[in-house]
Amino acid sequence: MHAVFDHKSFYPQLDLDFRKSRSLILIQSPFLTNRRINSLRSLLSDCVERGVRVCAFVRPIDSRFSSETEYMDRCNSLDLGISNLNSIGVHVNLRPAIHEKLVVIDESVFWDGSLNPLSYRDSIRASA
């Protein structure tokens, strides 16, 4: 089955797929935010406690920011996010230059799209 989801329907269905997982969740999300991780924390922790292996692939921070302070803030945020995921048993891999946003669940459910599963908050902006 193929289905198309938007910014409103994506997370409820992904959360349901996480709840149904039995053995493996692979998440490739170039970026992560602690806000999003905290909203997924209980769900991912439940998966790990059920014996599901959860692995995340994220991009390290590069040095193209306008200031050293911004670069350090982003590095600290990434470190905090990785620690947050590790603390619930999620294995995190740093992969430079990744862009694709993917989730694979039990080798049978495949999510591919433009929303970062570990960082998306709101991409809809009011028109000026």
C-alpha atoms as a PDB file:
ATOM      1  CA  MET A   1       0.000   0.000   0.000  1.00  0.00           C
ATOM      2  CA  HIS A   2       1.154   3.534  -0.772  1.00  0.00           C
ATOM      3  CA  ALA A   3      -0.167   6.602   0.981  1.00  0.00           C
ATOM      4  CA  VAL A   4       0.542  10.317   0.973  1.00  0.00           C
ATOM      5  CA  PHE A   5       0.633  12.300   4.211  1.00  0.00           C
ATOM      6  CA  ASP A   6       0.826  16.007   4.905  1.00  0.00           C
ATOM      7  CA  HIS A   7       2.217  17.951   7.868  1.00  0.00           C
ATOM      8  CA  LYS A   8      -0.974  17.233   9.857  1.00  0.00           C
ATOM      9  CA  SER A   9      -1.372  13.508   9.185  1.00  0.00           C
ATOM     10  CA  PHE A  10       2.307  12.489   9.090  1.00  0.00           C
ATOM     11  CA  TYR A  11       3.090  12.208  12.798  1.00  0.00           C
ATOM     12  CA  PRO A  12      -0.087  10.462  13.970  1.00  0.00           C
ATOM     13  CA  GLN A  13       0.477   7.693  11.410  1.00  0.00           C
ATOM     14  CA  LEU A  14       4.216   7.481  12.056  1.00  0.00           C
ATOM     15  CA  ASP A  15       3.524   7.239  15.800  1.00  0.00           C
ATOM     16  CA  LEU A  16       1.074   4.384  15.129  1.00  0.00           C
ATOM     17  CA  ASP A  17       3.694   2.602  13.015  1.00  0.00           C
ATOM     18  CA  PHE A  18       6.227   3.012  15.842  1.00  0.00           C
ATOM     19  CA  ARG A  19       3.719   1.493  18.280  1.00  0.00           C
ATOM     20  CA  LYS A  20       3.258  -1.512  15.959  1.00  0.00           C
ATOM     21  CA  SER A  21       7.002  -2.074  15.465  1.00  0.00           C
ATOM     22  CA  ARG A  22       8.400  -5.442  16.504  1.00  0.00           C
ATOM     23  CA  SER A  23      12.124  -5.554  15.813  1.00  0.00           C
ATOM     24  CA  LEU A  24      13.803  -2.564  14.138  1.00  0.00           C
ATOM     25  CA  ILE A  25      13.301   1.150  13.517  1.00  0.00           C
ATOM     26  CA  LEU A  26      15.808   3.052  11.375  1.00  0.00           C
ATOM     27  CA  ILE A  27      15.428   6.830  11.284  1.00  0.00           C
ATOM     28  CA  GLN A  28      17.443   9.039   8.957  1.00  0.00           C
ATOM     29  CA  SER A  29      16.805  12.650   9.868  1.00  0.00           C
ATOM     30  CA  PRO A  30      19.590  15.065   8.969  1.00  0.00           C
ATOM     31  CA  PHE A  31      18.652  17.347  11.836  1.00  0.00           C
ATOM     32  CA  LEU A  32      17.323  16.815  15.324  1.00  0.00           C
ATOM     33  CA  THR A  33      15.875  19.101  17.945  1.00  0.00           C
ATOM     34  CA  ASN A  34      15.377  18.432  21.614  1.00  0.00           C
ATOM     35  CA  ARG A  35      11.823  19.711  21.340  1.00  0.00           C
ATOM     36  CA  ARG A  36      10.938  16.981  18.845  1.00  0.00           C
ATOM     37  CA  ILE A  37      12.977  14.327  20.659  1.00  0.00           C
ATOM     38  CA  ASN A  38      11.154  15.152  23.885  1.00  0.00           C
ATOM     39  CA  SER A  39       7.813  14.725  22.128  1.00  0.00           C
ATOM     40  CA  LEU A  40       8.953  11.293  20.855  1.00  0.00           C
ATOM     41  CA  ARG A  41      10.804  10.261  24.016  1.00  0.00           C
ATOM     42  CA  SER A  42       8.054   8.179  25.625  1.00  0.00           C
ATOM     43  CA  LEU A  43       7.121   6.499  22.343  1.00  0.00           C
ATOM     44  CA  LEU A  44      10.714   5.603  21.429  1.00  0.00           C
ATOM     45  CA  SER A  45      11.433   4.490  24.991  1.00  0.00           C
ATOM     46  CA  ASP A  46       8.419   2.154  24.840  1.00  0.00           C
ATOM     47  CA  CYS A  47       9.767   0.697  21.587  1.00  0.00           C
ATOM     48  CA  VAL A  48      13.194   0.054  23.135  1.00  0.00           C
ATOM     49  CA  GLU A  49      11.591  -1.482  26.250  1.00  0.00           C
ATOM     50  CA  ARG A  50       9.654  -3.882  23.967  1.00  0.00           C
ATOM     51  CA  GLY A  51      12.968  -5.024  22.477  1.00  0.00           C
ATOM     52  CA  VAL A  52      12.794  -2.961  19.287  1.00  0.00           C
ATOM     53  CA  ARG A  53      16.218  -1.772  18.169  1.00  0.00           C
ATOM     54  CA  VAL A  54      16.057   1.928  17.306  1.00  0.00           C
ATOM     55  CA  CYS A  55      18.864   3.515  15.289  1.00  0.00           C
ATOM     56  CA  ALA A  56      19.027   7.149  14.193  1.00  0.00           C
ATOM     57  CA  PHE A  57      21.256   8.588  11.497  1.00  0.00           C
ATOM     58  CA  VAL A  58      21.827  12.349  11.802  1.00  0.00           C
ATOM     59  CA  ARG A  59      24.163  14.857  10.272  1.00  0.00           C
ATOM     60  CA  PRO A  60      26.941  16.431  12.354  1.00  0.00           C
ATOM     61  CA  ILE A  61      27.084  20.218  12.540  1.00  0.00           C
ATOM     62  CA  ASP A  62      29.255  21.790   9.876  1.00  0.00           C
ATOM     63  CA  SER A  63      31.147  25.034  10.332  1.00  0.00           C
ATOM     64  CA  ARG A  64      29.293  27.241   7.851  1.00  0.00           C
ATOM     65  CA  PHE A  65      27.560  29.402  10.467  1.00  0.00           C
ATOM     66  CA  SER A  66      28.012  33.142  10.672  1.00  0.00           C
ATOM     67  CA  SER A  67      29.591  33.087  14.101  1.00  0.00           C
ATOM     68  CA  GLU A  68      31.504  30.768  16.365  1.00  0.00           C
ATOM     69  CA  THR A  69      28.817  31.283  19.007  1.00  0.00           C
ATOM     70  CA  GLU A  70      26.082  30.018  16.662  1.00  0.00           C
ATOM     71  CA  TYR A  71      28.256  27.053  15.678  1.00  0.00           C
ATOM     72  CA  MET A  72      28.916  26.168  19.327  1.00  0.00           C
ATOM     73  CA  ASP A  73      25.213  26.551  20.213  1.00  0.00           C
ATOM     74  CA  ARG A  74      24.280  24.134  17.438  1.00  0.00           C
ATOM     75  CA  CYS A  75      26.996  21.678  18.461  1.00  0.00           C
ATOM     76  CA  ASN A  76      25.788  21.789  22.064  1.00  0.00           C
ATOM     77  CA  SER A  77      22.201  21.267  20.936  1.00  0.00           C
ATOM     78  CA  LEU A  78      23.235  18.273  18.811  1.00  0.00           C
ATOM     79  CA  ASP A  79      25.217  16.787  21.707  1.00  0.00           C
ATOM     80  CA  LEU A  80      22.230  17.232  24.019  1.00  0.00           C
ATOM     81  CA  GLY A  81      19.898  15.598  21.486  1.00  0.00           C
ATOM     82  CA  ILE A  82      22.226  12.639  21.007  1.00  0.00           C
ATOM     83  CA  SER A  83      22.555  12.228  24.777  1.00  0.00           C
ATOM     84  CA  ASN A  84      18.776  12.420  25.123  1.00  0.00           C
ATOM     85  CA  LEU A  85      18.302   9.655  22.519  1.00  0.00           C
ATOM     86  CA  ASN A  86      21.130   7.530  23.942  1.00  0.00           C
ATOM     87  CA  SER A  87      19.620   7.773  27.429  1.00  0.00           C
ATOM     88  CA  ILE A  88      16.530   5.868  26.267  1.00  0.00           C
ATOM     89  CA  GLY A  89      18.511   3.295  24.303  1.00  0.00           C
ATOM     90  CA  VAL A  90      18.467   4.786  20.805  1.00  0.00           C
ATOM     91  CA  HIS A  91      21.718   4.210  18.918  1.00  0.00           C
ATOM     92  CA  VAL A  92      22.793   7.398  17.099  1.00  0.00           C
ATOM     93  CA  ASN A  93      25.114   7.454  14.088  1.00  0.00           C
ATOM     94  CA  LEU A  94      26.613  10.649  12.674  1.00  0.00           C
ATOM     95  CA  ARG A  95      26.652  10.698   8.871  1.00  0.00           C
ATOM     96  CA  PRO A  96      28.001  13.794   7.087  1.00  0.00           C
ATOM     97  CA  ALA A  97      26.175  15.215   4.074  1.00  0.00           C
ATOM     98  CA  ILE A  98      22.956  13.224   4.414  1.00  0.00           C
ATOM     99  CA  HIS A  99      19.833  14.975   3.204  1.00  0.00           C
ATOM    100  CA  GLU A 100      17.179  12.279   2.773  1.00  0.00           C
ATOM    101  CA  LYS A 101      14.486  11.933   5.431  1.00  0.00           C
ATOM    102  CA  LEU A 102      13.668   8.234   5.833  1.00  0.00           C
ATOM    103  CA  VAL A 103      12.143   5.859   8.343  1.00  0.00           C
ATOM    104  CA  VAL A 104      12.201   2.070   7.958  1.00  0.00           C
ATOM    105  CA  ILE A 105      10.203  -0.052  10.383  1.00  0.00           C
ATOM    106  CA  ASP A 106      10.626  -3.832  10.580  1.00  0.00           C
ATOM    107  CA  GLU A 107      11.886  -3.900   6.980  1.00  0.00           C
ATOM    108  CA  SER A 108       8.268  -3.627   5.806  1.00  0.00           C
ATOM    109  CA  VAL A 109       7.199  -0.016   6.380  1.00  0.00           C
ATOM    110  CA  PHE A 110       9.111   2.674   4.508  1.00  0.00           C
ATOM    111  CA  TRP A 111       8.638   6.391   5.027  1.00  0.00           C
ATOM    112  CA  ASP A 112      10.283   8.788   2.551  1.00  0.00           C
ATOM    113  CA  GLY A 113       9.551  12.493   2.525  1.00  0.00           C
ATOM    114  CA  SER A 114      10.505  16.039   3.258  1.00  0.00           C
ATOM    115  CA  LEU A 115       9.713  16.172   6.999  1.00  0.00           C
ATOM    116  CA  ASN A 116      12.648  15.594   9.346  1.00  0.00           C
ATOM    117  CA  PRO A 117      11.316  12.951  11.754  1.00  0.00           C
ATOM    118  CA  LEU A 118      13.587  14.102  14.597  1.00  0.00           C
ATOM    119  CA  SER A 119      13.326  17.856  14.115  1.00  0.00           C
ATOM    120  CA  TYR A 120      10.155  18.937  12.311  1.00  0.00           C
ATOM    121  CA  ARG A 121       8.071  21.486  14.159  1.00  0.00           C
ATOM    122  CA  ASP A 122       6.061  23.584  11.718  1.00  0.00           C
ATOM    123  CA  SER A 123       6.830  24.408   8.118  1.00  0.00           C
ATOM    124  CA  ILE A 124       3.595  26.258   7.446  1.00  0.00           C
ATOM    125  CA  ARG A 125       4.093  30.012   7.660  1.00  0.00           C
ATOM    126  CA  ALA A 126       1.481  32.736   7.430  1.00  0.00           C
ATOM    127  CA  SER A 127       1.557  34.730   4.215  1.00  0.00           C
ATOM    128  CA  ALA A 128       2.867  38.252   4.494  1.00  0.00           C
END
